[in-house]
Amino acid sequence: MHPNSAFRPDHDDLAAMFVREIGFAAIFAGTPDGPRVAHAPVVLSEDDTTIRFHLSRGNALTKHLDGSPMLAVIQGPDAYVSANWYTDIEKSVPTWNYVAIEMEGVAQKLDDAGLVAQIDALSAIHEARVGENPAWTRDKMDQNYFGKLTGAIIGFEMRVVAWRTTLKLSQNKPADERERLAAGIEATGNRAVAHLMRELGRSREGA
């Protein structure tokens, strides 16, 4: 989390929105062999209190997660900011704009029914985005083969006890400077960051 409070949004719903939109997290935890990280799609509960995910049984982190403190990090869009784009170049340095959401809690292993429910929820979310008609569901699979695959993974749930959000989008700069930076970032192809900068600026000006 960025230490500057200007980059920590007041709107708690922003963090949940990014988790749902991006849906892919780095899962960090300590192990006897040192800190380890895994990467997995996550499903955030409707009330924003828990995330569910699954990992391969062969993942080095899996056997250490149940009952352990963990951190899930969602990385949003990011972009380099050239010091050339600032008004006062002599007192400016390059920096980076980015979005990151940290969720902290304790991991608990899901039972078989919970794992299947996590898979169903995950596929329903992303099949809706893909737009296939009819959408894929596990009912299309050979159920014995599905059971073989689920035997190779372990599901987890983490109750979120702390949210930490960094939204570093030049919101500490004047509106005209922000627009100049957004234009520079957009010209490099990072349209998502430029869009977020402008949307955040509009929401702050309208507040």
C-alpha atoms as a PDB file:
ATOM      1  CA  MET A   1       0.000   0.000   0.000  1.00  0.00           C
ATOM      2  CA  HIS A   2       1.351   3.428  -0.942  1.00  0.00           C
ATOM      3  CA  PRO A   3       2.222   5.540   2.130  1.00  0.00           C
ATOM      4  CA  ASN A   4       0.741   8.723   0.633  1.00  0.00           C
ATOM      5  CA  SER A   5      -2.896   8.986   1.786  1.00  0.00           C
ATOM      6  CA  ALA A   6      -3.744  10.849  -1.440  1.00  0.00           C
ATOM      7  CA  PHE A   7      -3.476   7.503  -3.225  1.00  0.00           C
ATOM      8  CA  ARG A   8      -5.763   5.608  -0.859  1.00  0.00           C
ATOM      9  CA  PRO A   9      -9.368   5.968  -2.089  1.00  0.00           C
ATOM     10  CA  ASP A  10     -12.204   6.838   0.264  1.00  0.00           C
ATOM     11  CA  HIS A  11     -14.646   4.625  -1.654  1.00  0.00           C
ATOM     12  CA  ASP A  12     -14.539   1.067  -0.267  1.00  0.00           C
ATOM     13  CA  ASP A  13     -16.573  -0.204  -3.225  1.00  0.00           C
ATOM     14  CA  LEU A  14     -13.721   0.652  -5.619  1.00  0.00           C
ATOM     15  CA  ALA A  15     -11.582  -2.170  -4.252  1.00  0.00           C
ATOM     16  CA  ALA A  16     -14.350  -4.745  -4.657  1.00  0.00           C
ATOM     17  CA  MET A  17     -15.077  -3.475  -8.163  1.00  0.00           C
ATOM     18  CA  PHE A  18     -11.465  -3.982  -9.262  1.00  0.00           C
ATOM     19  CA  VAL A  19     -11.311  -7.445  -7.674  1.00  0.00           C
ATOM     20  CA  ARG A  20     -14.401  -8.488  -9.641  1.00  0.00           C
ATOM     21  CA  GLU A  21     -13.302  -6.858 -12.903  1.00  0.00           C
ATOM     22  CA  ILE A  22      -9.743  -8.228 -12.868  1.00  0.00           C
ATOM     23  CA  GLY A  23     -10.473 -11.468 -11.044  1.00  0.00           C
ATOM     24  CA  PHE A  24      -6.876 -12.758 -10.919  1.00  0.00           C
ATOM     25  CA  ALA A  25      -4.652 -12.569  -7.853  1.00  0.00           C
ATOM     26  CA  ALA A  26      -1.190 -13.313  -6.551  1.00  0.00           C
ATOM     27  CA  ILE A  27      -1.529 -15.422  -3.388  1.00  0.00           C
ATOM     28  CA  PHE A  28       1.273 -14.862  -0.869  1.00  0.00           C
ATOM     29  CA  ALA A  29       2.001 -16.845   2.304  1.00  0.00           C
ATOM     30  CA  GLY A  30       4.926 -17.842   4.456  1.00  0.00           C
ATOM     31  CA  THR A  31       6.166 -21.452   4.411  1.00  0.00           C
ATOM     32  CA  PRO A  32       8.962 -23.314   6.210  1.00  0.00           C
ATOM     33  CA  ASP A  33      10.947 -22.865   2.996  1.00  0.00           C
ATOM     34  CA  GLY A  34      10.414 -19.105   2.981  1.00  0.00           C
ATOM     35  CA  PRO A  35       7.792 -16.830   1.395  1.00  0.00           C
ATOM     36  CA  ARG A  36       5.983 -18.276  -1.603  1.00  0.00           C
ATOM     37  CA  VAL A  37       3.492 -16.963  -4.156  1.00  0.00           C
ATOM     38  CA  ALA A  38       0.909 -18.630  -6.369  1.00  0.00           C
ATOM     39  CA  HIS A  39      -1.349 -17.123  -9.028  1.00  0.00           C
ATOM     40  CA  ALA A  40      -5.045 -17.906  -9.325  1.00  0.00           C
ATOM     41  CA  PRO A  41      -8.419 -16.595 -10.464  1.00  0.00           C
ATOM     42  CA  VAL A  42     -10.537 -15.567  -7.492  1.00  0.00           C
ATOM     43  CA  VAL A  43     -14.244 -15.209  -6.776  1.00  0.00           C
ATOM     44  CA  LEU A  44     -15.339 -12.455  -4.396  1.00  0.00           C
ATOM     45  CA  SER A  45     -18.510 -13.140  -2.412  1.00  0.00           C
ATOM     46  CA  GLU A  46     -21.564 -10.953  -2.977  1.00  0.00           C
ATOM     47  CA  ASP A  47     -21.107  -9.266   0.393  1.00  0.00           C
ATOM     48  CA  ASP A  48     -17.386  -8.594  -0.292  1.00  0.00           C
ATOM     49  CA  THR A  49     -16.285 -10.524   2.794  1.00  0.00           C
ATOM     50  CA  THR A  50     -14.566 -13.609   1.352  1.00  0.00           C
ATOM     51  CA  ILE A  51     -12.598 -14.732  -1.677  1.00  0.00           C
ATOM     52  CA  ARG A  52     -12.413 -18.275  -2.996  1.00  0.00           C
ATOM     53  CA  PHE A  53      -9.776 -19.787  -5.274  1.00  0.00           C
ATOM     54  CA  HIS A  54      -8.145 -23.108  -6.080  1.00  0.00           C
ATOM     55  CA  LEU A  55      -4.582 -24.260  -6.665  1.00  0.00           C
ATOM     56  CA  SER A  56      -2.917 -27.361  -8.014  1.00  0.00           C
ATOM     57  CA  ARG A  57      -2.088 -29.957  -5.351  1.00  0.00           C
ATOM     58  CA  GLY A  58       1.441 -29.870  -6.737  1.00  0.00           C
ATOM     59  CA  ASN A  59       1.849 -26.156  -6.057  1.00  0.00           C
ATOM     60  CA  ALA A  60       4.535 -25.547  -3.419  1.00  0.00           C
ATOM     61  CA  LEU A  61       2.195 -23.255  -1.484  1.00  0.00           C
ATOM     62  CA  THR A  62      -0.846 -25.547  -1.318  1.00  0.00           C
ATOM     63  CA  LYS A  63       0.189 -27.788   1.583  1.00  0.00           C
ATOM     64  CA  HIS A  64       0.955 -24.773   3.796  1.00  0.00           C
ATOM     65  CA  LEU A  65      -2.151 -22.641   3.230  1.00  0.00           C
ATOM     66  CA  ASP A  66      -4.877 -24.245   5.323  1.00  0.00           C
ATOM     67  CA  GLY A  67      -5.187 -22.229   8.544  1.00  0.00           C
ATOM     68  CA  SER A  68      -2.367 -19.865   7.597  1.00  0.00           C
ATOM     69  CA  PRO A  69      -2.318 -16.072   7.226  1.00  0.00           C
ATOM     70  CA  MET A  70      -2.175 -15.047   3.587  1.00  0.00           C
ATOM     71  CA  LEU A  71      -2.285 -12.019   1.346  1.00  0.00           C
ATOM     72  CA  ALA A  72      -4.075 -11.823  -2.005  1.00  0.00           C
ATOM     73  CA  VAL A  73      -2.961  -9.038  -4.339  1.00  0.00           C
ATOM     74  CA  ILE A  74      -4.859  -7.866  -7.407  1.00  0.00           C
ATOM     75  CA  GLN A  75      -2.730  -5.889  -9.865  1.00  0.00           C
ATOM     76  CA  GLY A  76      -4.698  -3.422 -11.963  1.00  0.00           C
ATOM     77  CA  PRO A  77      -3.510  -1.437 -14.980  1.00  0.00           C
ATOM     78  CA  ASP A  78      -0.209   0.429 -14.702  1.00  0.00           C
ATOM     79  CA  ALA A  79       1.847   2.855 -16.786  1.00  0.00           C
ATOM     80  CA  TYR A  80       5.150   4.712 -16.789  1.00  0.00           C
ATOM     81  CA  VAL A  81       4.885   8.499 -16.361  1.00  0.00           C
ATOM     82  CA  SER A  82       7.614  10.516 -18.076  1.00  0.00           C
ATOM     83  CA  ALA A  83       8.944  13.589 -16.259  1.00  0.00           C
ATOM     84  CA  ASN A  84       8.869  15.343 -19.644  1.00  0.00           C
ATOM     85  CA  TRP A  85       5.084  15.585 -19.359  1.00  0.00           C
ATOM     86  CA  TYR A  86       5.119  17.772 -16.238  1.00  0.00           C
ATOM     87  CA  THR A  87       4.971  21.564 -16.383  1.00  0.00           C
ATOM     88  CA  ASP A  88       7.982  22.024 -14.128  1.00  0.00           C
ATOM     89  CA  ILE A  89      10.460  19.569 -15.644  1.00  0.00           C
ATOM     90  CA  GLU A  90      13.329  20.826 -13.488  1.00  0.00           C
ATOM     91  CA  LYS A  91      11.498  19.702 -10.357  1.00  0.00           C
ATOM     92  CA  SER A  92       9.957  16.498 -11.671  1.00  0.00           C
ATOM     93  CA  VAL A  93      11.083  12.898 -11.875  1.00  0.00           C
ATOM     94  CA  PRO A  94       9.648   9.902 -13.733  1.00  0.00           C
ATOM     95  CA  THR A  95       7.165   7.811 -11.782  1.00  0.00           C
ATOM     96  CA  TRP A  96       4.615   5.038 -12.208  1.00  0.00           C
ATOM     97  CA  ASN A  97       0.831   5.141 -12.027  1.00  0.00           C
ATOM     98  CA  TYR A  98      -0.911   1.954 -10.969  1.00  0.00           C
ATOM     99  CA  VAL A  99      -3.815   0.259  -9.240  1.00  0.00           C
ATOM    100  CA  ALA A 100      -3.289  -2.450  -6.609  1.00  0.00           C
ATOM    101  CA  ILE A 101      -5.625  -4.081  -4.092  1.00  0.00           C
ATOM    102  CA  GLU A 102      -4.385  -6.113  -1.137  1.00  0.00           C
ATOM    103  CA  MET A 103      -6.671  -8.444   0.826  1.00  0.00           C
ATOM    104  CA  GLU A 104      -5.465 -10.053   4.034  1.00  0.00           C
ATOM    105  CA  GLY A 105      -6.913 -12.983   5.967  1.00  0.00           C
ATOM    106  CA  VAL A 106      -6.523 -16.624   6.945  1.00  0.00           C
ATOM    107  CA  ALA A 107      -6.942 -19.363   4.356  1.00  0.00           C
ATOM    108  CA  GLN A 108      -9.261 -22.291   5.036  1.00  0.00           C
ATOM    109  CA  LYS A 109      -9.452 -25.410   2.889  1.00  0.00           C
ATOM    110  CA  LEU A 110     -12.774 -25.992   1.133  1.00  0.00           C
ATOM    111  CA  ASP A 111     -14.487 -29.357   1.192  1.00  0.00           C
ATOM    112  CA  ASP A 112     -15.331 -31.097  -2.083  1.00  0.00           C
ATOM    113  CA  ALA A 113     -18.722 -29.393  -2.380  1.00  0.00           C
ATOM    114  CA  GLY A 114     -17.147 -26.004  -1.729  1.00  0.00           C
ATOM    115  CA  LEU A 115     -14.502 -26.616  -4.396  1.00  0.00           C
ATOM    116  CA  VAL A 116     -17.137 -27.541  -6.999  1.00  0.00           C
ATOM    117  CA  ALA A 117     -19.184 -24.477  -6.046  1.00  0.00           C
ATOM    118  CA  GLN A 118     -16.078 -22.296  -6.501  1.00  0.00           C
ATOM    119  CA  ILE A 119     -15.469 -23.758  -9.955  1.00  0.00           C
ATOM    120  CA  ASP A 120     -19.120 -23.287 -10.929  1.00  0.00           C
ATOM    121  CA  ALA A 121     -19.123 -19.657  -9.744  1.00  0.00           C
ATOM    122  CA  LEU A 122     -15.840 -18.903 -11.493  1.00  0.00           C
ATOM    123  CA  SER A 123     -16.908 -20.368 -14.818  1.00  0.00           C
ATOM    124  CA  ALA A 124     -20.329 -18.670 -14.661  1.00  0.00           C
ATOM    125  CA  ILE A 125     -18.709 -15.243 -14.218  1.00  0.00           C
ATOM    126  CA  HIS A 126     -16.282 -15.617 -17.084  1.00  0.00           C
ATOM    127  CA  GLU A 127     -18.525 -17.539 -19.482  1.00  0.00           C
ATOM    128  CA  ALA A 128     -20.958 -14.610 -19.226  1.00  0.00           C
ATOM    129  CA  ARG A 129     -18.142 -12.273 -20.279  1.00  0.00           C
ATOM    130  CA  VAL A 130     -17.065 -14.504 -23.148  1.00  0.00           C
ATOM    131  CA  GLY A 131     -20.615 -14.536 -24.445  1.00  0.00           C
ATOM    132  CA  GLU A 132     -20.771 -18.105 -25.744  1.00  0.00           C
ATOM    133  CA  ASN A 133     -24.313 -19.348 -26.287  1.00  0.00           C
ATOM    134  CA  PRO A 134     -24.907 -21.775 -24.762  1.00  0.00           C
ATOM    135  CA  ALA A 135     -22.310 -21.089 -22.087  1.00  0.00           C
ATOM    136  CA  TRP A 136     -19.964 -23.822 -20.905  1.00  0.00           C
ATOM    137  CA  THR A 137     -20.956 -25.598 -17.689  1.00  0.00           C
ATOM    138  CA  ARG A 138     -19.515 -28.720 -16.096  1.00  0.00           C
ATOM    139  CA  ASP A 139     -22.698 -30.553 -17.145  1.00  0.00           C
ATOM    140  CA  LYS A 140     -21.074 -30.757 -20.579  1.00  0.00           C
ATOM    141  CA  MET A 141     -18.190 -32.793 -19.156  1.00  0.00           C
ATOM    142  CA  ASP A 142     -17.772 -36.471 -18.530  1.00  0.00           C
ATOM    143  CA  GLN A 143     -18.388 -36.470 -14.770  1.00  0.00           C
ATOM    144  CA  ASN A 144     -15.777 -39.142 -14.057  1.00  0.00           C
ATOM    145  CA  TYR A 145     -13.197 -37.042 -15.862  1.00  0.00           C
ATOM    146  CA  PHE A 146     -14.359 -33.944 -13.984  1.00  0.00           C
ATOM    147  CA  GLY A 147     -13.850 -35.822 -10.717  1.00  0.00           C
ATOM    148  CA  LYS A 148     -10.347 -36.789 -11.795  1.00  0.00           C
ATOM    149  CA  LEU A 149      -9.471 -33.157 -12.510  1.00  0.00           C
ATOM    150  CA  THR A 150     -10.926 -31.825  -9.249  1.00  0.00           C
ATOM    151  CA  GLY A 151      -8.892 -34.446  -7.418  1.00  0.00           C
ATOM    152  CA  ALA A 152      -5.767 -32.677  -8.662  1.00  0.00           C
ATOM    153  CA  ILE A 153      -6.676 -29.291  -7.136  1.00  0.00           C
ATOM    154  CA  ILE A 154      -7.520 -27.893  -3.704  1.00  0.00           C
ATOM    155  CA  GLY A 155      -9.963 -25.070  -3.044  1.00  0.00           C
ATOM    156  CA  PHE A 156      -9.537 -22.373  -0.411  1.00  0.00           C
ATOM    157  CA  GLU A 157     -11.581 -19.594   1.116  1.00  0.00           C
ATOM    158  CA  MET A 158     -10.200 -16.511   2.815  1.00  0.00           C
ATOM    159  CA  ARG A 159     -12.314 -14.193   4.964  1.00  0.00           C
ATOM    160  CA  VAL A 160     -11.004 -10.695   4.262  1.00  0.00           C
ATOM    161  CA  VAL A 161     -10.020  -9.031   7.533  1.00  0.00           C
ATOM    162  CA  ALA A 162      -8.207  -6.095   5.912  1.00  0.00           C
ATOM    163  CA  TRP A 163      -8.483  -4.300   2.564  1.00  0.00           C
ATOM    164  CA  ARG A 164      -5.616  -2.084   1.405  1.00  0.00           C
ATOM    165  CA  THR A 165      -6.081  -0.228  -1.858  1.00  0.00           C
ATOM    166  CA  THR A 166      -3.605   1.903  -3.796  1.00  0.00           C
ATOM    167  CA  LEU A 167      -4.996   4.048  -6.589  1.00  0.00           C
ATOM    168  CA  LYS A 168      -1.992   6.062  -7.770  1.00  0.00           C
ATOM    169  CA  LEU A 169      -3.342   8.030 -10.713  1.00  0.00           C
ATOM    170  CA  SER A 170      -1.806  11.511 -10.335  1.00  0.00           C
ATOM    171  CA  GLN A 171      -4.754  12.677  -8.252  1.00  0.00           C
ATOM    172  CA  ASN A 172      -2.334  14.804  -6.218  1.00  0.00           C
ATOM    173  CA  LYS A 173      -1.772  16.992  -9.304  1.00  0.00           C
ATOM    174  CA  PRO A 174      -3.881  19.888 -10.656  1.00  0.00           C
ATOM    175  CA  ALA A 175      -6.549  19.021 -13.231  1.00  0.00           C
ATOM    176  CA  ASP A 176      -4.658  20.471 -16.216  1.00  0.00           C
ATOM    177  CA  GLU A 177      -1.489  18.594 -15.237  1.00  0.00           C
ATOM    178  CA  ARG A 178      -3.442  15.350 -14.804  1.00  0.00           C
ATOM    179  CA  GLU A 179      -4.910  15.696 -18.280  1.00  0.00           C
ATOM    180  CA  ARG A 180      -1.480  16.306 -19.788  1.00  0.00           C
ATOM    181  CA  LEU A 181      -0.152  13.193 -18.037  1.00  0.00           C
ATOM    182  CA  ALA A 182      -3.185  11.159 -19.121  1.00  0.00           C
ATOM    183  CA  ALA A 183      -2.636  12.240 -22.732  1.00  0.00           C
ATOM    184  CA  GLY A 184       1.017  11.212 -22.552  1.00  0.00           C
ATOM    185  CA  ILE A 185       0.133   7.831 -21.080  1.00  0.00           C
ATOM    186  CA  GLU A 186      -2.618   7.303 -23.662  1.00  0.00           C
ATOM    187  CA  ALA A 187      -0.156   8.034 -26.465  1.00  0.00           C
ATOM    188  CA  THR A 188       2.042   5.162 -25.227  1.00  0.00           C
ATOM    189  CA  GLY A 189      -0.884   2.760 -25.587  1.00  0.00           C
ATOM    190  CA  ASN A 190      -1.924   2.531 -21.941  1.00  0.00           C
ATOM    191  CA  ARG A 191      -5.519   3.599 -22.496  1.00  0.00           C
ATOM    192  CA  ALA A 192      -6.851   1.891 -19.373  1.00  0.00           C
ATOM    193  CA  VAL A 193      -4.676   4.003 -17.062  1.00  0.00           C
ATOM    194  CA  ALA A 194      -5.503   7.201 -18.947  1.00  0.00           C
ATOM    195  CA  HIS A 195      -9.212   6.386 -18.743  1.00  0.00           C
ATOM    196  CA  LEU A 196      -9.035   5.756 -14.997  1.00  0.00           C
ATOM    197  CA  MET A 197      -7.136   9.006 -14.460  1.00  0.00           C
ATOM    198  CA  ARG A 198      -9.820  10.969 -16.263  1.00  0.00           C
ATOM    199  CA  GLU A 199     -12.695   9.157 -14.561  1.00  0.00           C
ATOM    200  CA  LEU A 200     -11.159   9.712 -11.148  1.00  0.00           C
ATOM    201  CA  GLY A 201     -10.610  13.368 -11.956  1.00  0.00           C
ATOM    202  CA  ARG A 202     -14.246  13.780 -13.015  1.00  0.00           C
ATOM    203  CA  SER A 203     -15.523  12.060  -9.868  1.00  0.00           C
ATOM    204  CA  ARG A 204     -13.384  14.268  -7.626  1.00  0.00           C
ATOM    205  CA  GLU A 205     -14.449  17.442  -9.404  1.00  0.00           C
ATOM    206  CA  GLY A 206     -18.097  16.411  -9.143  1.00  0.00           C
ATOM    207  CA  ALA A 207     -17.833  15.562  -5.452  1.00  0.00           C
END
